[in-house]
Amino acid sequence: MEPPIWAWIALILAVPVLASIDLLVFGRGGKAVSVRTAALWSACWIALGLSFAGIMGATQGGTAAGEYLSGYLIEWSLSIDNLFVFAVIFTYFAVPVEVQPRVLLFGVLGALVFRGIFIAIGAVALGAAHWVIYIFGAFLVFTAYRLARSTGDHVDPSRNKLLLLVNRFVPSTSEYHGNSVWVREGGRKLATPVFAVLLVVASTDVVFAIDSIPAIFAVTDEAFIVLAANVFALMGLRAMYFVIVGMLTRFKYLNYGLAVVLGLVGTKMLLSDVYHPPVYITLGAVVVVLGTSVLASLWATRNDPPAELPLAHDPAEVAPPAPPVR
């Protein structure tokens, strides 16, 4: 059932409204975010995302609600991978904790923009040629294999091509000036480290969009559901970061769980002309696989000491050498 035009308008308008609430209330004032505050916000975002399934059920039926829930869980779980990368980037650039909320906001908004673009491209491609579904399926199976083989330590911001261009061509300073992206020193306009951080975060947003969009199209070909699942999964990402940043190393089996889910949905795409399982089977498989991987991870690391991520060190200790001011 195609959603009415007013539903599209409401969903699109909800994005800047929700982002404004997040910007104006959460993490404002240049202060570090407490775990308690972040947990409350995370609970609100998750409750909002899950409650939207009820709206889908009431207006579009149970099948649409099940597809939304499956897509939401997949996108939310894949977004946890974003947090691993954000932690590495923040550590590399020694981003002060009071600056991290603003950088995360731009990271989330960038992810929404890029995923919106790829959702439009994917919907048009699937509508124009059915065989594209086999490309998506094969890509997901390959991604699942790559993710299962990943050790989680392959992210290296220093090799990011955008960062290399910044270091070579953009006059920069090695000092942070709050949330400022640009400062004026000695009559010259210089980029702060925030500029480089935002570029690296944006480039990783593109990579994650390429990986995640085919996964949800395996659950549903309804663009409205795909967009809604991405919007609600990503809006809580900023608060969730501050809740689980110290627990990221404990999710040691999450990549295997995600690999299994991507492998299953990729296979589902490849076999779409032969067998199309009911939505409750897909939803049940996603819940069982991801839940098992998370519980197994927490159990296996129950005696591990708390992770120590250098998220607020002196930039001179861990940040890359700043390029000379030109």
Protein backbone atom coordinates (compact mmCIF):
# COMPACT_ATOMS: atom_id res chain seq x y z
CA MET A 1 0.00 0.00 0.00
CA GLU A 2 1.55 3.28 -1.13
CA PRO A 3 1.67 5.89 1.67
CA PRO A 4 -0.26 9.10 0.94
CA ILE A 5 1.65 12.23 -0.01
CA TRP A 6 0.96 13.81 3.39
CA ALA A 7 2.86 10.95 5.05
CA TRP A 8 5.92 11.69 2.91
CA ILE A 9 5.70 15.39 3.72
CA ALA A 10 5.34 14.69 7.45
CA LEU A 11 8.32 12.31 7.48
CA ILE A 12 10.57 14.69 5.55
CA LEU A 13 9.59 17.64 7.75
CA ALA A 14 10.18 15.53 10.87
CA VAL A 15 13.90 15.28 10.10
CA PRO A 16 14.80 18.98 10.67
CA VAL A 17 12.37 19.16 13.61
CA LEU A 18 13.94 16.17 15.38
CA ALA A 19 17.45 17.37 14.52
CA SER A 20 16.64 20.81 15.95
CA ILE A 21 15.37 19.29 19.19
CA ASP A 22 18.53 17.22 19.41
CA LEU A 23 20.73 20.24 18.67
CA LEU A 24 19.02 22.73 20.97
CA VAL A 25 18.56 20.47 23.98
CA PHE A 26 20.99 17.54 23.96
CA GLY A 27 24.72 18.21 24.39
CA ARG A 28 24.44 22.00 24.29
CA GLY A 29 26.43 24.50 26.26
CA GLY A 30 29.92 23.16 25.47
CA LYS A 31 29.88 20.65 28.33
CA ALA A 32 30.64 16.96 28.43
CA VAL A 33 27.55 14.75 28.22
CA SER A 34 26.89 12.53 31.24
CA VAL A 35 26.06 8.86 30.76
CA ARG A 36 22.77 9.32 32.63
CA THR A 37 21.65 12.13 30.34
CA ALA A 38 22.69 10.21 27.25
CA ALA A 39 20.87 7.08 28.47
CA LEU A 40 17.62 9.01 29.00
CA TRP A 41 17.85 10.52 25.52
CA SER A 42 18.69 7.13 24.00
CA ALA A 43 15.65 5.58 25.66
CA CYS A 44 13.44 8.36 24.27
CA TRP A 45 14.79 7.97 20.73
CA ILE A 46 14.43 4.18 20.82
CA ALA A 47 10.88 4.46 22.18
CA LEU A 48 10.04 6.93 19.41
CA GLY A 49 11.50 4.64 16.76
CA LEU A 50 9.65 1.58 18.04
CA SER A 51 6.37 3.46 18.49
CA PHE A 52 6.44 4.42 14.81
CA ALA A 53 5.82 0.73 14.08
CA GLY A 54 2.43 1.17 15.74
CA ILE A 55 1.65 4.07 13.42
CA MET A 56 2.69 1.94 10.44
CA GLY A 57 0.49 -0.89 11.66
CA ALA A 58 -2.53 1.35 12.13
CA THR A 59 -2.20 3.10 8.77
CA GLN A 60 -0.48 0.57 6.50
CA GLY A 61 -1.18 -2.80 8.09
CA GLY A 62 0.77 -5.47 9.96
CA THR A 63 3.06 -6.38 7.08
CA ALA A 64 4.30 -2.80 6.73
CA ALA A 65 4.81 -2.59 10.51
CA GLY A 66 6.85 -5.81 10.47
CA GLU A 67 8.96 -4.61 7.56
CA TYR A 68 9.60 -1.33 9.35
CA LEU A 69 10.65 -3.09 12.56
CA SER A 70 12.98 -5.42 10.66
CA GLY A 71 14.51 -2.50 8.79
CA TYR A 72 14.79 -0.40 11.94
CA LEU A 73 16.63 -3.16 13.83
CA ILE A 74 19.01 -3.77 10.92
CA GLU A 75 19.80 -0.09 10.46
CA TRP A 76 20.11 0.51 14.20
CA SER A 77 22.54 -2.40 14.54
CA LEU A 78 24.59 -1.30 11.56
CA SER A 79 24.71 2.18 13.09
CA ILE A 80 26.53 0.72 16.09
CA ASP A 81 29.36 0.07 13.63
CA ASN A 82 29.39 3.82 13.01
CA LEU A 83 30.09 4.31 16.71
CA PHE A 84 33.21 2.17 16.51
CA VAL A 85 34.51 4.35 13.69
CA PHE A 86 33.54 7.58 15.44
CA ALA A 87 35.46 6.45 18.53
CA VAL A 88 38.57 5.78 16.44
CA ILE A 89 38.28 9.15 14.69
CA PHE A 90 37.76 11.04 17.94
CA THR A 91 40.71 9.27 19.51
CA TYR A 92 42.98 9.95 16.53
CA PHE A 93 42.16 13.66 16.49
CA ALA A 94 41.93 13.93 20.30
CA VAL A 95 38.53 15.61 19.99
CA PRO A 96 37.62 17.20 23.35
CA VAL A 97 34.52 15.68 24.95
CA GLU A 98 32.72 19.04 24.93
CA VAL A 99 33.18 19.26 21.13
CA GLN A 100 32.06 15.70 20.37
CA PRO A 101 28.26 16.29 20.57
CA ARG A 102 28.38 18.93 17.81
CA VAL A 103 30.63 16.79 15.59
CA LEU A 104 28.34 13.81 16.13
CA LEU A 105 25.31 15.88 15.14
CA PHE A 106 26.89 16.80 11.81
CA GLY A 107 27.91 13.17 11.40
CA VAL A 108 24.32 12.01 11.88
CA LEU A 109 22.91 14.69 9.57
CA GLY A 110 25.49 13.75 6.95
CA ALA A 111 24.51 10.11 7.28
CA LEU A 112 20.85 11.04 6.77
CA VAL A 113 21.63 13.06 3.66
CA PHE A 114 23.80 10.40 2.05
CA ARG A 115 21.40 7.61 2.92
CA GLY A 116 18.53 9.64 1.50
CA ILE A 117 20.46 9.98 -1.75
CA PHE A 118 21.23 6.27 -1.92
CA ILE A 119 17.64 5.37 -1.00
CA ALA A 120 16.42 7.40 -3.99
CA ILE A 121 19.00 5.80 -6.27
CA GLY A 122 18.19 2.30 -5.02
CA ALA A 123 14.44 2.77 -5.37
CA VAL A 124 14.79 4.08 -8.93
CA ALA A 125 17.19 1.28 -9.87
CA LEU A 126 14.93 -1.46 -8.49
CA GLY A 127 11.91 0.08 -10.17
CA ALA A 128 13.66 0.34 -13.54
CA ALA A 129 15.29 -3.08 -13.63
CA HIS A 130 14.37 -6.06 -11.45
CA TRP A 131 17.76 -7.69 -12.00
CA VAL A 132 19.37 -4.98 -9.81
CA ILE A 133 18.08 -6.95 -6.84
CA TYR A 134 20.61 -9.68 -7.65
CA ILE A 135 23.45 -7.12 -7.61
CA PHE A 136 22.27 -5.91 -4.21
CA GLY A 137 22.04 -9.49 -2.95
CA ALA A 138 25.52 -10.41 -4.16
CA PHE A 139 26.90 -7.20 -2.64
CA LEU A 140 25.34 -8.03 0.74
CA VAL A 141 26.74 -11.57 0.71
CA PHE A 142 30.18 -10.18 -0.09
CA THR A 143 29.81 -7.54 2.64
CA ALA A 144 28.80 -10.27 5.10
CA TYR A 145 31.94 -12.24 4.24
CA ARG A 146 34.12 -9.14 4.59
CA LEU A 147 32.53 -8.23 7.91
CA ALA A 148 32.94 -11.75 9.31
CA ARG A 149 36.63 -11.65 8.40
CA SER A 150 37.09 -8.18 9.89
CA THR A 151 39.06 -7.84 13.12
CA GLY A 152 37.64 -4.40 13.91
CA ASP A 153 41.02 -2.64 13.84
CA HIS A 154 41.18 -1.78 10.14
CA VAL A 155 40.05 1.84 10.44
CA ASP A 156 42.97 4.22 9.98
CA PRO A 157 41.98 7.90 9.70
CA SER A 158 45.52 8.89 8.70
CA ARG A 159 45.00 7.14 5.34
CA ASN A 160 41.77 9.00 4.57
CA LYS A 161 42.23 10.78 1.23
CA LEU A 162 40.21 13.81 2.30
CA LEU A 163 42.43 14.23 5.34
CA LEU A 164 45.54 14.02 3.16
CA LEU A 165 44.15 16.77 0.93
CA VAL A 166 43.36 18.94 3.95
CA ASN A 167 46.86 18.53 5.35
CA ARG A 168 48.34 19.49 2.00
CA PHE A 169 46.19 22.34 0.76
CA VAL A 170 44.18 23.88 3.62
CA PRO A 171 45.86 26.36 5.98
CA SER A 172 45.26 24.86 9.41
CA THR A 173 45.94 25.17 13.10
CA SER A 174 46.52 22.25 15.47
CA GLU A 175 44.54 23.84 18.32
CA TYR A 176 40.83 23.44 19.01
CA HIS A 177 38.78 26.60 19.50
CA GLY A 178 35.58 25.15 20.93
CA ASN A 179 33.18 24.11 18.19
CA SER A 180 34.64 26.59 15.71
CA VAL A 181 35.54 25.18 12.31
CA TRP A 182 37.47 28.28 11.23
CA VAL A 183 39.46 30.86 13.22
CA ARG A 184 41.38 33.96 12.28
CA GLU A 185 44.97 34.20 13.51
CA GLY A 186 47.48 36.79 12.43
CA GLY A 187 45.05 38.13 9.87
CA ARG A 188 44.66 34.71 8.22
CA LYS A 189 41.67 32.39 8.18
CA LEU A 190 42.70 28.93 9.39
CA ALA A 191 40.88 25.61 9.67
CA THR A 192 40.73 24.05 13.13
CA PRO A 193 40.99 20.27 13.62
CA VAL A 194 37.16 20.21 13.65
CA PHE A 195 37.25 20.85 9.88
CA ALA A 196 39.35 17.74 9.25
CA VAL A 197 37.26 15.66 11.66
CA LEU A 198 34.04 16.62 9.86
CA LEU A 199 35.49 15.69 6.48
CA VAL A 200 36.66 12.29 7.71
CA VAL A 201 33.28 11.64 9.37
CA ALA A 202 31.47 12.63 6.15
CA SER A 203 33.56 10.24 4.06
CA THR A 204 32.79 7.37 6.44
CA ASP A 205 29.09 8.30 6.23
CA VAL A 206 29.23 7.63 2.49
CA VAL A 207 30.81 4.21 3.04
CA PHE A 208 28.21 3.22 5.63
CA ALA A 209 25.38 4.41 3.39
CA ILE A 210 26.63 2.20 0.56
CA ASP A 211 26.73 -0.78 2.92
CA SER A 212 23.44 -0.24 4.74
CA ILE A 213 20.93 0.74 2.06
CA PRO A 214 21.00 -2.58 0.14
CA ALA A 215 20.46 -4.37 3.47
CA ILE A 216 17.13 -2.71 4.17
CA PHE A 217 15.98 -3.02 0.55
CA ALA A 218 16.28 -6.76 1.13
CA VAL A 219 13.58 -6.40 3.80
CA THR A 220 11.23 -4.11 1.90
CA ASP A 221 11.10 -2.37 -1.47
CA GLU A 222 8.89 0.40 -0.07
CA ALA A 223 11.00 3.59 -0.12
CA PHE A 224 8.89 5.22 2.62
CA ILE A 225 9.63 2.38 5.05
CA VAL A 226 13.32 2.43 4.09
CA LEU A 227 13.58 6.17 4.77
CA ALA A 228 11.59 6.02 8.02
CA ALA A 229 13.72 3.17 9.40
CA ASN A 230 16.92 5.09 8.62
CA VAL A 231 15.64 8.35 10.11
CA PHE A 232 14.61 6.84 13.43
CA ALA A 233 17.65 4.54 13.67
CA LEU A 234 20.10 7.40 13.12
CA MET A 235 18.47 10.12 15.21
CA GLY A 236 19.36 8.33 18.46
CA LEU A 237 22.92 7.60 17.40
CA ARG A 238 24.42 10.71 18.97
CA ALA A 239 23.09 9.99 22.46
CA MET A 240 23.82 6.27 22.14
CA TYR A 241 27.49 7.04 21.52
CA PHE A 242 27.92 8.47 25.02
CA VAL A 243 26.08 5.52 26.57
CA ILE A 244 28.13 2.70 25.08
CA VAL A 245 31.44 4.34 24.14
CA GLY A 246 33.07 2.64 27.12
CA MET A 247 31.47 -0.69 26.18
CA LEU A 248 32.35 -0.75 22.48
CA THR A 249 35.15 -3.26 22.99
CA ARG A 250 32.70 -5.62 24.70
CA PHE A 251 30.66 -6.14 21.53
CA LYS A 252 33.25 -8.59 20.23
CA TYR A 253 30.74 -10.81 18.41
CA LEU A 254 28.52 -8.08 16.97
CA ASN A 255 30.33 -8.12 13.63
CA TYR A 256 29.57 -11.85 13.32
CA GLY A 257 25.91 -11.24 14.11
CA LEU A 258 25.74 -8.46 11.54
CA ALA A 259 27.53 -10.69 9.04
CA VAL A 260 24.93 -13.43 9.52
CA VAL A 261 22.06 -10.93 9.14
CA LEU A 262 23.55 -9.42 5.97
CA GLY A 263 24.24 -12.90 4.60
CA LEU A 264 20.64 -13.94 5.25
CA VAL A 265 19.07 -10.87 3.68
CA GLY A 266 21.50 -11.06 0.75
CA THR A 267 20.50 -14.67 0.15
CA LYS A 268 16.86 -13.64 0.46
CA MET A 269 17.42 -11.15 -2.37
CA LEU A 270 19.17 -13.71 -4.56
CA LEU A 271 16.28 -16.14 -4.06
CA SER A 272 13.52 -13.55 -4.32
CA ASP A 273 12.05 -15.13 -7.47
CA VAL A 274 12.05 -18.59 -5.89
CA TYR A 275 10.97 -18.02 -2.29
CA HIS A 276 9.75 -14.95 -0.41
CA PRO A 277 9.53 -15.67 3.35
CA PRO A 278 6.84 -13.98 5.45
CA VAL A 279 7.87 -10.79 7.19
CA TYR A 280 7.62 -12.36 10.65
CA ILE A 281 10.32 -14.89 9.71
CA THR A 282 12.68 -12.11 8.62
CA LEU A 283 11.94 -10.08 11.75
CA GLY A 284 12.38 -13.11 14.01
CA ALA A 285 15.69 -14.03 12.40
CA VAL A 286 17.04 -10.49 12.81
CA VAL A 287 16.02 -10.33 16.48
CA VAL A 288 17.41 -13.79 17.33
CA VAL A 289 20.74 -13.36 15.52
CA LEU A 290 21.49 -9.84 16.75
CA GLY A 291 20.24 -10.58 20.26
CA THR A 292 22.37 -13.71 20.48
CA SER A 293 25.50 -11.91 19.27
CA VAL A 294 25.05 -9.09 21.79
CA LEU A 295 24.32 -11.41 24.74
CA ALA A 296 27.21 -13.71 23.80
CA SER A 297 29.52 -10.70 23.59
CA LEU A 298 28.50 -9.35 26.99
CA TRP A 299 28.87 -12.78 28.57
CA ALA A 300 32.29 -13.43 27.02
CA THR A 301 33.61 -10.05 28.20
CA ARG A 302 31.88 -9.94 31.58
CA ASN A 303 35.20 -10.06 33.46
CA ASP A 304 37.06 -7.66 31.18
CA PRO A 305 38.20 -4.33 32.67
CA PRO A 306 36.45 -1.19 31.42
CA ALA A 307 37.77 0.06 28.12
CA GLU A 308 39.92 3.16 28.24
CA LEU A 309 39.46 5.26 25.14
CA PRO A 310 41.58 8.45 25.09
CA LEU A 311 38.71 10.72 24.17
CA ALA A 312 39.87 13.91 25.86
CA HIS A 313 43.65 13.93 25.88
CA ASP A 314 45.87 16.81 25.03
CA PRO A 315 45.86 17.03 21.23
CA ALA A 316 49.65 17.10 21.23
CA GLU A 317 49.73 13.58 22.67
CA VAL A 318 47.76 11.65 20.08
CA ALA A 319 46.73 14.00 17.29
CA PRO A 320 48.58 13.83 13.95
CA PRO A 321 51.21 16.46 13.33
CA ALA A 322 49.53 19.60 12.09
CA PRO A 323 50.61 20.86 8.66
CA PRO A 324 52.58 24.08 8.67
CA VAL A 325 50.50 27.25 8.48
CA ARG A 326 50.63 28.50 4.92
